[in-house]
């Protein structure tokens, strides 16, 4: 799947986070993991799983008693695609504009700025 196509809805992210933590999972395992937060019913989980299979962001294999669901995309690929989407939508594709905004709003700690310096240094 092209990583630019990977834009997860918040509801999909709940399921993906569970599947990235532990795979495979059945619908009942996902239901039990999601019934308190965000408070979904079994039918809601089932509906979302069907949509996510159609979108090819998860897949399943038939198990002995129940379908076993797996993530079809990696967490890192989703993060890259969503970051690129955010940059395009909010900052016109400019990483510099995003970082300038973060610094102006004091949104970065000194440790985070040091981490960014190190990332940039390694990137040269």
PDB file of N, CA and C in Angstrom:
ATOM      1  N   UNK A   1       0.839  -1.185   0.000  1.00  0.00           N
ATOM      2  CA  UNK A   1       0.000   0.000   0.000  1.00  0.00           C
ATOM      3  C   UNK A   1       0.875   1.237   0.000  1.00  0.00           C
ATOM      4  N   UNK A   2       0.527   2.231  -0.785  1.00  0.00           N
ATOM      5  CA  UNK A   2       1.244   3.487  -0.858  1.00  0.00           C
ATOM      6  C   UNK A   2       1.083   4.223   0.461  1.00  0.00           C
ATOM      7  N   UNK A   3       2.208   4.626   1.089  1.00  0.00           N
ATOM      8  CA  UNK A   3       2.108   5.238   2.408  1.00  0.00           C
ATOM      9  C   UNK A   3       1.362   6.569   2.388  1.00  0.00           C
ATOM     10  N   UNK A   4       1.283   7.249   1.257  1.00  0.00           N
ATOM     11  CA  UNK A   4       0.535   8.498   1.181  1.00  0.00           C
ATOM     12  C   UNK A   4      -0.965   8.266   1.339  1.00  0.00           C
ATOM     13  N   UNK A   5      -1.417   7.057   1.118  1.00  0.00           N
ATOM     14  CA  UNK A   5      -2.833   6.722   1.259  1.00  0.00           C
ATOM     15  C   UNK A   5      -3.207   6.391   2.704  1.00  0.00           C
ATOM     16  N   UNK A   6      -2.252   6.309   3.577  1.00  0.00           N
ATOM     17  CA  UNK A   6      -2.502   5.872   4.948  1.00  0.00           C
ATOM     18  C   UNK A   6      -2.831   7.068   5.826  1.00  0.00           C
ATOM     19  N   UNK A   7      -4.106   7.405   5.872  1.00  0.00           N
ATOM     20  CA  UNK A   7      -4.566   8.429   6.799  1.00  0.00           C
ATOM     21  C   UNK A   7      -5.631   7.765   7.655  1.00  0.00           C
ATOM     22  N   UNK A   8      -5.283   7.530   8.899  1.00  0.00           N
ATOM     23  CA  UNK A   8      -6.189   6.818   9.798  1.00  0.00           C
ATOM     24  C   UNK A   8      -7.177   7.772  10.455  1.00  0.00           C
ATOM     25  N   UNK A   9      -8.422   7.357  10.494  1.00  0.00           N
ATOM     26  CA  UNK A   9      -9.431   8.055  11.281  1.00  0.00           C
ATOM     27  C   UNK A   9      -9.157   7.725  12.747  1.00  0.00           C
ATOM     28  N   UNK A  10      -9.650   8.559  13.657  1.00  0.00           N
ATOM     29  CA  UNK A  10      -9.413   8.307  15.082  1.00  0.00           C
ATOM     30  C   UNK A  10      -9.921   6.931  15.495  1.00  0.00           C
ATOM     31  N   UNK A  11     -11.083   6.532  14.993  1.00  0.00           N
ATOM     32  CA  UNK A  11     -11.632   5.219  15.340  1.00  0.00           C
ATOM     33  C   UNK A  11     -10.713   4.098  14.844  1.00  0.00           C
ATOM     34  N   UNK A  12     -10.143   4.263  13.664  1.00  0.00           N
ATOM     35  CA  UNK A  12      -9.224   3.262  13.128  1.00  0.00           C
ATOM     36  C   UNK A  12      -7.944   3.215  13.941  1.00  0.00           C
ATOM     37  N   UNK A  13      -7.518   4.363  14.425  1.00  0.00           N
ATOM     38  CA  UNK A  13      -6.283   4.421  15.214  1.00  0.00           C
ATOM     39  C   UNK A  13      -6.422   3.618  16.506  1.00  0.00           C
ATOM     40  N   UNK A  14      -7.597   3.664  17.152  1.00  0.00           N
ATOM     41  CA  UNK A  14      -7.804   2.863  18.359  1.00  0.00           C
ATOM     42  C   UNK A  14      -7.537   1.385  18.069  1.00  0.00           C
ATOM     43  N   UNK A  15      -8.108   0.896  16.992  1.00  0.00           N
ATOM     44  CA  UNK A  15      -7.930  -0.524  16.641  1.00  0.00           C
ATOM     45  C   UNK A  15      -6.493  -0.805  16.238  1.00  0.00           C
ATOM     46  N   UNK A  16      -5.914   0.073  15.424  1.00  0.00           N
ATOM     47  CA  UNK A  16      -4.533  -0.149  14.979  1.00  0.00           C
ATOM     48  C   UNK A  16      -3.569  -0.186  16.160  1.00  0.00           C
ATOM     49  N   UNK A  17      -3.761   0.698  17.129  1.00  0.00           N
ATOM     50  CA  UNK A  17      -2.863   0.702  18.289  1.00  0.00           C
ATOM     51  C   UNK A  17      -2.911  -0.647  19.007  1.00  0.00           C
ATOM     52  N   UNK A  18      -4.107  -1.208  19.148  1.00  0.00           N
ATOM     53  CA  UNK A  18      -4.224  -2.527  19.793  1.00  0.00           C
ATOM     54  C   UNK A  18      -3.534  -3.595  18.955  1.00  0.00           C
ATOM     55  N   UNK A  19      -3.730  -3.557  17.633  1.00  0.00           N
ATOM     56  CA  UNK A  19      -3.117  -4.573  16.767  1.00  0.00           C
ATOM     57  C   UNK A  19      -1.604  -4.392  16.663  1.00  0.00           C
ATOM     58  N   UNK A  20      -1.125  -3.172  16.720  1.00  0.00           N
ATOM     59  CA  UNK A  20       0.329  -2.960  16.707  1.00  0.00           C
ATOM     60  C   UNK A  20       0.950  -3.449  18.002  1.00  0.00           C
ATOM     61  N   UNK A  21       0.216  -3.360  19.102  1.00  0.00           N
ATOM     62  CA  UNK A  21       0.727  -3.838  20.387  1.00  0.00           C
ATOM     63  C   UNK A  21       0.747  -5.364  20.443  1.00  0.00           C
ATOM     64  N   UNK A  22      -0.310  -5.979  19.887  1.00  0.00           N
ATOM     65  CA  UNK A  22      -0.430  -7.441  19.967  1.00  0.00           C
ATOM     66  C   UNK A  22      -1.228  -7.951  18.769  1.00  0.00           C
ATOM     67  N   UNK A  23      -0.629  -8.828  18.020  1.00  0.00           N
ATOM     68  CA  UNK A  23      -1.316  -9.440  16.872  1.00  0.00           C
ATOM     69  C   UNK A  23      -1.008 -10.921  16.851  1.00  0.00           C
ATOM     70  N   UNK A  24      -1.933 -11.728  16.392  1.00  0.00           N
ATOM     71  CA  UNK A  24      -3.273 -11.356  15.954  1.00  0.00           C
ATOM     72  C   UNK A  24      -4.210 -11.192  17.142  1.00  0.00           C
ATOM     73  N   UNK A  25      -5.370 -10.581  16.855  1.00  0.00           N
ATOM     74  CA  UNK A  25      -6.432 -10.451  17.844  1.00  0.00           C
ATOM     75  C   UNK A  25      -7.753 -10.811  17.169  1.00  0.00           C
ATOM     76  N   UNK A  26      -8.635 -11.411  17.939  1.00  0.00           N
ATOM     77  CA  UNK A  26      -9.978 -11.725  17.441  1.00  0.00           C
ATOM     78  C   UNK A  26     -10.894 -10.530  17.699  1.00  0.00           C
ATOM     79  N   UNK A  27     -12.086 -10.576  17.120  1.00  0.00           N
ATOM     80  CA  UNK A  27     -13.050  -9.503  17.369  1.00  0.00           C
ATOM     81  C   UNK A  27     -13.371  -9.406  18.863  1.00  0.00           C
ATOM     82  N   UNK A  28     -13.483 -10.533  19.537  1.00  0.00           N
ATOM     83  CA  UNK A  28     -13.798 -10.505  20.968  1.00  0.00           C
ATOM     84  C   UNK A  28     -12.648  -9.916  21.780  1.00  0.00           C
ATOM     85  N   UNK A  29     -11.419 -10.238  21.409  1.00  0.00           N
ATOM     86  CA  UNK A  29     -10.277  -9.644  22.111  1.00  0.00           C
ATOM     87  C   UNK A  29     -10.247  -8.129  21.898  1.00  0.00           C
ATOM     88  N   UNK A  30     -10.507  -7.701  20.671  1.00  0.00           N
ATOM     89  CA  UNK A  30     -10.548  -6.271  20.390  1.00  0.00           C
ATOM     90  C   UNK A  30     -11.711  -5.605  21.122  1.00  0.00           C
ATOM     91  N   UNK A  31     -12.854  -6.255  21.108  1.00  0.00           N
ATOM     92  CA  UNK A  31     -14.021  -5.712  21.815  1.00  0.00           C
ATOM     93  C   UNK A  31     -13.702  -5.500  23.296  1.00  0.00           C
ATOM     94  N   UNK A  32     -13.129  -6.522  23.942  1.00  0.00           N
ATOM     95  CA  UNK A  32     -12.805  -6.404  25.363  1.00  0.00           C
ATOM     96  C   UNK A  32     -11.751  -5.327  25.613  1.00  0.00           C
ATOM     97  N   UNK A  33     -10.821  -5.165  24.674  1.00  0.00           N
ATOM     98  CA  UNK A  33      -9.780  -4.144  24.814  1.00  0.00           C
ATOM     99  C   UNK A  33     -10.324  -2.733  24.614  1.00  0.00           C
ATOM    100  N   UNK A  34     -11.442  -2.609  23.884  1.00  0.00           N
ATOM    101  CA  UNK A  34     -11.969  -1.289  23.525  1.00  0.00           C
ATOM    102  C   UNK A  34     -13.306  -0.934  24.184  1.00  0.00           C
ATOM    103  N   UNK A  35     -13.859  -1.831  24.993  1.00  0.00           N
ATOM    104  CA  UNK A  35     -15.190  -1.550  25.550  1.00  0.00           C
ATOM    105  C   UNK A  35     -15.163  -0.461  26.620  1.00  0.00           C
ATOM    106  N   UNK A  36     -14.056  -0.305  27.349  1.00  0.00           N
ATOM    107  CA  UNK A  36     -13.976   0.776  28.333  1.00  0.00           C
ATOM    108  C   UNK A  36     -13.537   2.080  27.677  1.00  0.00           C
ATOM    109  N   UNK A  37     -12.510   2.026  26.894  1.00  0.00           N
ATOM    110  CA  UNK A  37     -11.979   3.200  26.197  1.00  0.00           C
ATOM    111  C   UNK A  37     -11.778   2.830  24.756  1.00  0.00           C
ATOM    112  N   UNK A  38     -12.556   3.286  23.858  1.00  0.00           N
ATOM    113  CA  UNK A  38     -13.505   4.395  23.882  1.00  0.00           C
ATOM    114  C   UNK A  38     -14.942   4.025  24.231  1.00  0.00           C
ATOM    115  N   UNK A  39     -15.221   2.798  24.644  1.00  0.00           N
ATOM    116  CA  UNK A  39     -16.566   2.427  25.063  1.00  0.00           C
ATOM    117  C   UNK A  39     -17.434   1.871  23.941  1.00  0.00           C
ATOM    118  N   UNK A  40     -16.831   1.126  23.056  1.00  0.00           N
ATOM    119  CA  UNK A  40     -17.554   0.605  21.899  1.00  0.00           C
ATOM    120  C   UNK A  40     -18.264  -0.705  22.182  1.00  0.00           C
ATOM    121  N   UNK A  41     -19.352  -0.924  21.450  1.00  0.00           N
ATOM    122  CA  UNK A  41     -20.063  -2.199  21.490  1.00  0.00           C
ATOM    123  C   UNK A  41     -19.373  -3.169  20.537  1.00  0.00           C
ATOM    124  N   UNK A  42     -19.739  -4.431  20.650  1.00  0.00           N
ATOM    125  CA  UNK A  42     -19.189  -5.446  19.757  1.00  0.00           C
ATOM    126  C   UNK A  42     -19.553  -5.139  18.300  1.00  0.00           C
ATOM    127  N   UNK A  43     -20.776  -4.664  18.058  1.00  0.00           N
ATOM    128  CA  UNK A  43     -21.186  -4.372  16.684  1.00  0.00           C
ATOM    129  C   UNK A  43     -20.384  -3.211  16.099  1.00  0.00           C
ATOM    130  N   UNK A  44     -20.030  -2.231  16.919  1.00  0.00           N
ATOM    131  CA  UNK A  44     -19.200  -1.119  16.446  1.00  0.00           C
ATOM    132  C   UNK A  44     -17.828  -1.636  16.034  1.00  0.00           C
ATOM    133  N   UNK A  45     -17.224  -2.467  16.873  1.00  0.00           N
ATOM    134  CA  UNK A  45     -15.915  -3.044  16.558  1.00  0.00           C
ATOM    135  C   UNK A  45     -16.010  -3.851  15.269  1.00  0.00           C
ATOM    136  N   UNK A  46     -17.038  -4.657  15.140  1.00  0.00           N
ATOM    137  CA  UNK A  46     -17.217  -5.488  13.954  1.00  0.00           C
ATOM    138  C   UNK A  46     -17.359  -4.622  12.694  1.00  0.00           C
ATOM    139  N   UNK A  47     -18.155  -3.569  12.767  1.00  0.00           N
ATOM    140  CA  UNK A  47     -18.339  -2.667  11.624  1.00  0.00           C
ATOM    141  C   UNK A  47     -17.021  -2.019  11.224  1.00  0.00           C
ATOM    142  N   UNK A  48     -16.281  -1.531  12.213  1.00  0.00           N
ATOM    143  CA  UNK A  48     -14.998  -0.888  11.918  1.00  0.00           C
ATOM    144  C   UNK A  48     -14.000  -1.874  11.320  1.00  0.00           C
ATOM    145  N   UNK A  49     -13.971  -3.091  11.839  1.00  0.00           N
ATOM    146  CA  UNK A  49     -13.062  -4.097  11.280  1.00  0.00           C
ATOM    147  C   UNK A  49     -13.373  -4.345   9.810  1.00  0.00           C
ATOM    148  N   UNK A  50     -14.654  -4.450   9.475  1.00  0.00           N
ATOM    149  CA  UNK A  50     -15.045  -4.652   8.082  1.00  0.00           C
ATOM    150  C   UNK A  50     -14.577  -3.520   7.186  1.00  0.00           C
ATOM    151  N   UNK A  51     -14.757  -2.292   7.642  1.00  0.00           N
ATOM    152  CA  UNK A  51     -14.315  -1.130   6.863  1.00  0.00           C
ATOM    153  C   UNK A  51     -12.806  -1.109   6.699  1.00  0.00           C
ATOM    154  N   UNK A  52     -12.109  -1.460   7.771  1.00  0.00           N
ATOM    155  CA  UNK A  52     -10.647  -1.431   7.728  1.00  0.00           C
ATOM    156  C   UNK A  52     -10.090  -2.523   6.821  1.00  0.00           C
ATOM    157  N   UNK A  53     -10.754  -3.671   6.766  1.00  0.00           N
ATOM    158  CA  UNK A  53     -10.360  -4.728   5.829  1.00  0.00           C
ATOM    159  C   UNK A  53     -10.557  -4.227   4.402  1.00  0.00           C
ATOM    160  N   UNK A  54     -11.681  -3.577   4.143  1.00  0.00           N
ATOM    161  CA  UNK A  54     -11.950  -3.024   2.805  1.00  0.00           C
ATOM    162  C   UNK A  54     -10.903  -2.002   2.402  1.00  0.00           C
ATOM    163  N   UNK A  55     -10.459  -1.196   3.349  1.00  0.00           N
ATOM    164  CA  UNK A  55      -9.445  -0.175   3.077  1.00  0.00           C
ATOM    165  C   UNK A  55      -8.031  -0.770   3.011  1.00  0.00           C
ATOM    166  N   UNK A  56      -7.919  -2.061   3.324  1.00  0.00           N
ATOM    167  CA  UNK A  56      -6.649  -2.793   3.302  1.00  0.00           C
ATOM    168  C   UNK A  56      -5.628  -2.266   4.304  1.00  0.00           C
ATOM    169  N   UNK A  57      -6.113  -1.782   5.450  1.00  0.00           N
ATOM    170  CA  UNK A  57      -5.180  -1.393   6.505  1.00  0.00           C
ATOM    171  C   UNK A  57      -5.055  -2.487   7.560  1.00  0.00           C
ATOM    172  N   UNK A  58      -5.980  -3.443   7.527  1.00  0.00           N
ATOM    173  CA  UNK A  58      -5.850  -4.667   8.317  1.00  0.00           C
ATOM    174  C   UNK A  58      -6.266  -5.834   7.427  1.00  0.00           C
ATOM    175  N   UNK A  59      -5.927  -7.029   7.868  1.00  0.00           N
ATOM    176  CA  UNK A  59      -6.384  -8.235   7.181  1.00  0.00           C
ATOM    177  C   UNK A  59      -6.649  -9.297   8.229  1.00  0.00           C
ATOM    178  N   UNK A  60      -7.279 -10.352   7.813  1.00  0.00           N
ATOM    179  CA  UNK A  60      -7.559 -11.434   8.755  1.00  0.00           C
ATOM    180  C   UNK A  60      -7.251 -12.772   8.112  1.00  0.00           C
ATOM    181  N   UNK A  61      -7.048 -13.732   8.984  1.00  0.00           N
ATOM    182  CA  UNK A  61      -6.929 -15.130   8.598  1.00  0.00           C
ATOM    183  C   UNK A  61      -7.971 -15.885   9.403  1.00  0.00           C
ATOM    184  N   UNK A  62      -8.552 -16.893   8.793  1.00  0.00           N
ATOM    185  CA  UNK A  62      -9.545 -17.698   9.513  1.00  0.00           C
ATOM    186  C   UNK A  62      -8.832 -18.535  10.562  1.00  0.00           C
ATOM    187  N   UNK A  63      -9.254 -18.398  11.808  1.00  0.00           N
ATOM    188  CA  UNK A  63      -8.698 -19.189  12.893  1.00  0.00           C
ATOM    189  C   UNK A  63      -9.571 -20.402  13.146  1.00  0.00           C
ATOM    190  N   UNK A  64      -9.226 -21.163  14.164  1.00  0.00           N
ATOM    191  CA  UNK A  64     -10.010 -22.358  14.498  1.00  0.00           C
ATOM    192  C   UNK A  64     -11.444 -21.987  14.882  1.00  0.00           C
ATOM    193  N   UNK A  65     -11.585 -20.922  15.698  1.00  0.00           N
ATOM    194  CA  UNK A  65     -12.921 -20.521  16.155  1.00  0.00           C
ATOM    195  C   UNK A  65     -13.305 -19.124  15.688  1.00  0.00           C
ATOM    196  N   UNK A  66     -12.331 -18.299  15.385  1.00  0.00           N
ATOM    197  CA  UNK A  66     -12.634 -16.904  15.032  1.00  0.00           C
ATOM    198  C   UNK A  66     -11.553 -16.355  14.111  1.00  0.00           C
ATOM    199  N   UNK A  67     -11.910 -15.321  13.379  1.00  0.00           N
ATOM    200  CA  UNK A  67     -10.946 -14.644  12.522  1.00  0.00           C
ATOM    201  C   UNK A  67      -9.851 -14.014  13.385  1.00  0.00           C
ATOM    202  N   UNK A  68      -8.646 -14.093  12.866  1.00  0.00           N
ATOM    203  CA  UNK A  68      -7.489 -13.502  13.517  1.00  0.00           C
ATOM    204  C   UNK A  68      -7.104 -12.250  12.723  1.00  0.00           C
ATOM    205  N   UNK A  69      -7.166 -11.077  13.354  1.00  0.00           N
ATOM    206  CA  UNK A  69      -6.899  -9.811  12.675  1.00  0.00           C
ATOM    207  C   UNK A  69      -5.455  -9.365  12.890  1.00  0.00           C
ATOM    208  N   UNK A  70      -4.882  -8.835  11.819  1.00  0.00           N
ATOM    209  CA  UNK A  70      -3.496  -8.366  11.797  1.00  0.00           C
ATOM    210  C   UNK A  70      -3.440  -6.975  11.174  1.00  0.00           C
ATOM    211  N   UNK A  71      -2.451  -6.165  11.564  1.00  0.00           N
ATOM    212  CA  UNK A  71      -2.268  -4.891  10.872  1.00  0.00           C
ATOM    213  C   UNK A  71      -1.630  -5.149   9.501  1.00  0.00           C
ATOM    214  N   UNK A  72      -2.110  -4.458   8.478  1.00  0.00           N
ATOM    215  CA  UNK A  72      -1.530  -4.585   7.137  1.00  0.00           C
ATOM    216  C   UNK A  72      -0.538  -3.462   6.862  1.00  0.00           C
ATOM    217  N   UNK A  73      -0.461  -2.514   7.783  1.00  0.00           N
ATOM    218  CA  UNK A  73       0.479  -1.405   7.659  1.00  0.00           C
ATOM    219  C   UNK A  73       1.292  -1.309   8.937  1.00  0.00           C
ATOM    220  N   UNK A  74       2.466  -0.762   8.813  1.00  0.00           N
ATOM    221  CA  UNK A  74       3.336  -0.580   9.971  1.00  0.00           C
ATOM    222  C   UNK A  74       3.039   0.767  10.625  1.00  0.00           C
ATOM    223  N   UNK A  75       3.231   0.830  11.932  1.00  0.00           N
ATOM    224  CA  UNK A  75       3.019   2.075  12.691  1.00  0.00           C
ATOM    225  C   UNK A  75       3.854   3.211  12.094  1.00  0.00           C
ATOM    226  N   UNK A  76       5.101   2.918  11.743  1.00  0.00           N
ATOM    227  CA  UNK A  76       6.000   3.939  11.207  1.00  0.00           C
ATOM    228  C   UNK A  76       5.497   4.486   9.871  1.00  0.00           C
ATOM    229  N   UNK A  77       4.959   3.607   9.016  1.00  0.00           N
ATOM    230  CA  UNK A  77       4.430   4.055   7.725  1.00  0.00           C
ATOM    231  C   UNK A  77       3.223   4.973   7.919  1.00  0.00           C
ATOM    232  N   UNK A  78       2.375   4.637   8.857  1.00  0.00           N
ATOM    233  CA  UNK A  78       1.213   5.487   9.149  1.00  0.00           C
ATOM    234  C   UNK A  78       1.671   6.834   9.694  1.00  0.00           C
ATOM    235  N   UNK A  79       2.668   6.828  10.564  1.00  0.00           N
ATOM    236  CA  UNK A  79       3.172   8.078  11.142  1.00  0.00           C
ATOM    237  C   UNK A  79       3.761   8.984  10.067  1.00  0.00           C
ATOM    238  N   UNK A  80       4.530   8.412   9.149  1.00  0.00           N
ATOM    239  CA  UNK A  80       5.128   9.204   8.064  1.00  0.00           C
ATOM    240  C   UNK A  80       4.042   9.814   7.193  1.00  0.00           C
ATOM    241  N   UNK A  81       3.065   9.013   6.796  1.00  0.00           N
ATOM    242  CA  UNK A  81       1.993   9.509   5.928  1.00  0.00           C
ATOM    243  C   UNK A  81       1.171  10.590   6.613  1.00  0.00           C
ATOM    244  N   UNK A  82       0.870  10.397   7.884  1.00  0.00           N
ATOM    245  CA  UNK A  82       0.074  11.385   8.601  1.00  0.00           C
ATOM    246  C   UNK A  82       0.865  12.663   8.849  1.00  0.00           C
ATOM    247  N   UNK A  83       2.166  12.551   9.075  1.00  0.00           N
ATOM    248  CA  UNK A  83       3.016  13.728   9.239  1.00  0.00           C
ATOM    249  C   UNK A  83       3.087  14.518   7.936  1.00  0.00           C
ATOM    250  N   UNK A  84       3.253  13.816   6.821  1.00  0.00           N
ATOM    251  CA  UNK A  84       3.274  14.489   5.526  1.00  0.00           C
ATOM    252  C   UNK A  84       1.946  15.184   5.250  1.00  0.00           C
ATOM    253  N   UNK A  85       0.851  14.535   5.593  1.00  0.00           N
ATOM    254  CA  UNK A  85      -0.467  15.126   5.397  1.00  0.00           C
ATOM    255  C   UNK A  85      -0.624  16.394   6.242  1.00  0.00           C
ATOM    256  N   UNK A  86      -0.202  16.336   7.497  1.00  0.00           N
ATOM    257  CA  UNK A  86      -0.264  17.498   8.383  1.00  0.00           C
ATOM    258  C   UNK A  86       0.570  18.643   7.823  1.00  0.00           C
ATOM    259  N   UNK A  87       1.784  18.334   7.390  1.00  0.00           N
ATOM    260  CA  UNK A  87       2.651  19.372   6.828  1.00  0.00           C
ATOM    261  C   UNK A  87       2.004  20.048   5.632  1.00  0.00           C
ATOM    262  N   UNK A  88       1.425  19.260   4.741  1.00  0.00           N
ATOM    263  CA  UNK A  88       0.796  19.816   3.544  1.00  0.00           C
ATOM    264  C   UNK A  88      -0.427  20.655   3.897  1.00  0.00           C
ATOM    265  N   UNK A  89      -1.275  20.133   4.775  1.00  0.00           N
ATOM    266  CA  UNK A  89      -2.528  20.810   5.103  1.00  0.00           C
ATOM    267  C   UNK A  89      -2.325  22.079   5.920  1.00  0.00           C
ATOM    268  N   UNK A  90      -1.438  22.022   6.897  1.00  0.00           N
ATOM    269  CA  UNK A  90      -1.326  23.111   7.866  1.00  0.00           C
ATOM    270  C   UNK A  90      -0.153  24.050   7.574  1.00  0.00           C
ATOM    271  N   UNK A  91       0.955  23.499   7.109  1.00  0.00           N
ATOM    272  CA  UNK A  91       2.177  24.289   6.948  1.00  0.00           C
ATOM    273  C   UNK A  91       2.646  24.400   5.495  1.00  0.00           C
ATOM    274  N   UNK A  92       1.756  24.131   4.561  1.00  0.00           N
ATOM    275  CA  UNK A  92       2.073  24.200   3.126  1.00  0.00           C
ATOM    276  C   UNK A  92       3.323  23.402   2.766  1.00  0.00           C
ATOM    277  N   UNK A  93       3.530  22.298   3.478  1.00  0.00           N
ATOM    278  CA  UNK A  93       4.650  21.407   3.196  1.00  0.00           C
ATOM    279  C   UNK A  93       5.976  21.841   3.795  1.00  0.00           C
ATOM    280  N   UNK A  94       5.984  22.884   4.596  1.00  0.00           N
ATOM    281  CA  UNK A  94       7.223  23.446   5.137  1.00  0.00           C
ATOM    282  C   UNK A  94       7.525  22.941   6.543  1.00  0.00           C
ATOM    283  N   UNK A  95       8.573  22.136   6.660  1.00  0.00           N
ATOM    284  CA  UNK A  95       9.020  21.680   7.977  1.00  0.00           C
ATOM    285  C   UNK A  95       9.518  22.875   8.782  1.00  0.00           C
ATOM    286  N   UNK A  96      10.203  23.804   8.098  1.00  0.00           N
ATOM    287  CA  UNK A  96      10.716  25.000   8.769  1.00  0.00           C
ATOM    288  C   UNK A  96       9.607  25.820   9.405  1.00  0.00           C
ATOM    289  N   UNK A  97       8.496  25.981   8.684  1.00  0.00           N
ATOM    290  CA  UNK A  97       7.374  26.746   9.215  1.00  0.00           C
ATOM    291  C   UNK A  97       6.789  26.040  10.441  1.00  0.00           C
ATOM    292  N   UNK A  98       6.712  24.718  10.385  1.00  0.00           N
ATOM    293  CA  UNK A  98       6.185  23.974  11.521  1.00  0.00           C
ATOM    294  C   UNK A  98       7.094  24.136  12.740  1.00  0.00           C
ATOM    295  N   UNK A  99       8.406  23.986  12.530  1.00  0.00           N
ATOM    296  CA  UNK A  99       9.338  24.086  13.650  1.00  0.00           C
ATOM    297  C   UNK A  99       9.360  25.502  14.221  1.00  0.00           C
ATOM    298  N   UNK A 100       9.292  26.502  13.335  1.00  0.00           N
ATOM    299  CA  UNK A 100       9.252  27.894  13.781  1.00  0.00           C
ATOM    300  C   UNK A 100       8.029  28.132  14.659  1.00  0.00           C
ATOM    301  N   UNK A 101       6.893  27.609  14.245  1.00  0.00           N
ATOM    302  CA  UNK A 101       5.665  27.745  15.032  1.00  0.00           C
ATOM    303  C   UNK A 101       5.824  27.081  16.388  1.00  0.00           C
ATOM    304  N   UNK A 102       6.393  25.873  16.406  1.00  0.00           N
ATOM    305  CA  UNK A 102       6.575  25.154  17.671  1.00  0.00           C
ATOM    306  C   UNK A 102       7.493  25.933  18.616  1.00  0.00           C
ATOM    307  N   UNK A 103       8.551  26.514  18.079  1.00  0.00           N
ATOM    308  CA  UNK A 103       9.503  27.258  18.907  1.00  0.00           C
ATOM    309  C   UNK A 103       8.865  28.554  19.413  1.00  0.00           C
ATOM    310  N   UNK A 104       8.145  29.258  18.538  1.00  0.00           N
ATOM    311  CA  UNK A 104       7.486  30.509  18.947  1.00  0.00           C
ATOM    312  C   UNK A 104       6.476  30.268  20.061  1.00  0.00           C
ATOM    313  N   UNK A 105       5.830  29.135  20.053  1.00  0.00           N
ATOM    314  CA  UNK A 105       4.812  28.810  21.064  1.00  0.00           C
ATOM    315  C   UNK A 105       5.409  28.117  22.290  1.00  0.00           C
ATOM    316  N   UNK A 106       6.739  28.032  22.335  1.00  0.00           N
ATOM    317  CA  UNK A 106       7.431  27.347  23.427  1.00  0.00           C
ATOM    318  C   UNK A 106       6.912  25.928  23.616  1.00  0.00           C
ATOM    319  N   UNK A 107       6.616  25.262  22.511  1.00  0.00           N
ATOM    320  CA  UNK A 107       6.057  23.914  22.554  1.00  0.00           C
ATOM    321  C   UNK A 107       7.141  22.838  22.649  1.00  0.00           C
ATOM    322  N   UNK A 108       8.403  23.236  22.520  1.00  0.00           N
ATOM    323  CA  UNK A 108       9.496  22.272  22.584  1.00  0.00           C
ATOM    324  C   UNK A 108      10.339  22.521  23.827  1.00  0.00           C
ATOM    325  N   UNK A 109      10.612  21.449  24.547  1.00  0.00           N
ATOM    326  CA  UNK A 109      11.498  21.558  25.702  1.00  0.00           C
ATOM    327  C   UNK A 109      12.941  21.636  25.210  1.00  0.00           C
ATOM    328  N   UNK A 110      13.830  21.979  26.093  1.00  0.00           N
ATOM    329  CA  UNK A 110      15.248  22.037  25.733  1.00  0.00           C
ATOM    330  C   UNK A 110      15.739  20.647  25.315  1.00  0.00           C
ATOM    331  N   UNK A 111      15.268  19.623  26.007  1.00  0.00           N
ATOM    332  CA  UNK A 111      15.668  18.248  25.654  1.00  0.00           C
ATOM    333  C   UNK A 111      15.166  17.885  24.251  1.00  0.00           C
ATOM    334  N   UNK A 112      13.942  18.301  23.905  1.00  0.00           N
ATOM    335  CA  UNK A 112      13.411  18.020  22.571  1.00  0.00           C
ATOM    336  C   UNK A 112      14.198  18.772  21.499  1.00  0.00           C
ATOM    337  N   UNK A 113      14.595  20.006  21.789  1.00  0.00           N
ATOM    338  CA  UNK A 113      15.408  20.749  20.825  1.00  0.00           C
ATOM    339  C   UNK A 113      16.773  20.093  20.653  1.00  0.00           C
ATOM    340  N   UNK A 114      17.358  19.632  21.748  1.00  0.00           N
ATOM    341  CA  UNK A 114      18.632  18.916  21.657  1.00  0.00           C
ATOM    342  C   UNK A 114      18.484  17.657  20.802  1.00  0.00           C
ATOM    343  N   UNK A 115      17.367  16.949  20.990  1.00  0.00           N
ATOM    344  CA  UNK A 115      17.100  15.755  20.202  1.00  0.00           C
ATOM    345  C   UNK A 115      16.984  16.103  18.718  1.00  0.00           C
ATOM    346  N   UNK A 116      16.306  17.192  18.405  1.00  0.00           N
ATOM    347  CA  UNK A 116      16.186  17.625  17.009  1.00  0.00           C
ATOM    348  C   UNK A 116      17.538  18.003  16.414  1.00  0.00           C
ATOM    349  N   UNK A 117      18.369  18.713  17.185  1.00  0.00           N
ATOM    350  CA  UNK A 117      19.719  19.037  16.709  1.00  0.00           C
ATOM    351  C   UNK A 117      20.480  17.768  16.352  1.00  0.00           C
ATOM    352  N   UNK A 118      20.374  16.760  17.212  1.00  0.00           N
ATOM    353  CA  UNK A 118      21.070  15.496  16.980  1.00  0.00           C
ATOM    354  C   UNK A 118      20.544  14.799  15.733  1.00  0.00           C
ATOM    355  N   UNK A 119      19.228  14.804  15.538  1.00  0.00           N
ATOM    356  CA  UNK A 119      18.625  14.201  14.347  1.00  0.00           C
ATOM    357  C   UNK A 119      19.132  14.915  13.096  1.00  0.00           C
ATOM    358  N   UNK A 120      19.155  16.245  13.127  1.00  0.00           N
ATOM    359  CA  UNK A 120      19.624  17.009  11.977  1.00  0.00           C
ATOM    360  C   UNK A 120      21.103  16.756  11.717  1.00  0.00           C
ATOM    361  N   UNK A 121      21.899  16.674  12.777  1.00  0.00           N
ATOM    362  CA  UNK A 121      23.323  16.412  12.625  1.00  0.00           C
ATOM    363  C   UNK A 121      23.563  15.065  11.948  1.00  0.00           C
ATOM    364  N   UNK A 122      22.819  14.048  12.369  1.00  0.00           N
ATOM    365  CA  UNK A 122      22.958  12.723  11.783  1.00  0.00           C
ATOM    366  C   UNK A 122      22.470  12.688  10.341  1.00  0.00           C
ATOM    367  N   UNK A 123      21.543  13.578  10.004  1.00  0.00           N
ATOM    368  CA  UNK A 123      20.975  13.599   8.665  1.00  0.00           C
ATOM    369  C   UNK A 123      21.875  14.212   7.613  1.00  0.00           C
ATOM    370  N   UNK A 124      22.923  14.918   8.038  1.00  0.00           N
ATOM    371  CA  UNK A 124      23.855  15.551   7.067  1.00  0.00           C
ATOM    372  C   UNK A 124      24.713  14.546   6.379  1.00  0.00           C
TER     373      UNK A 124
END
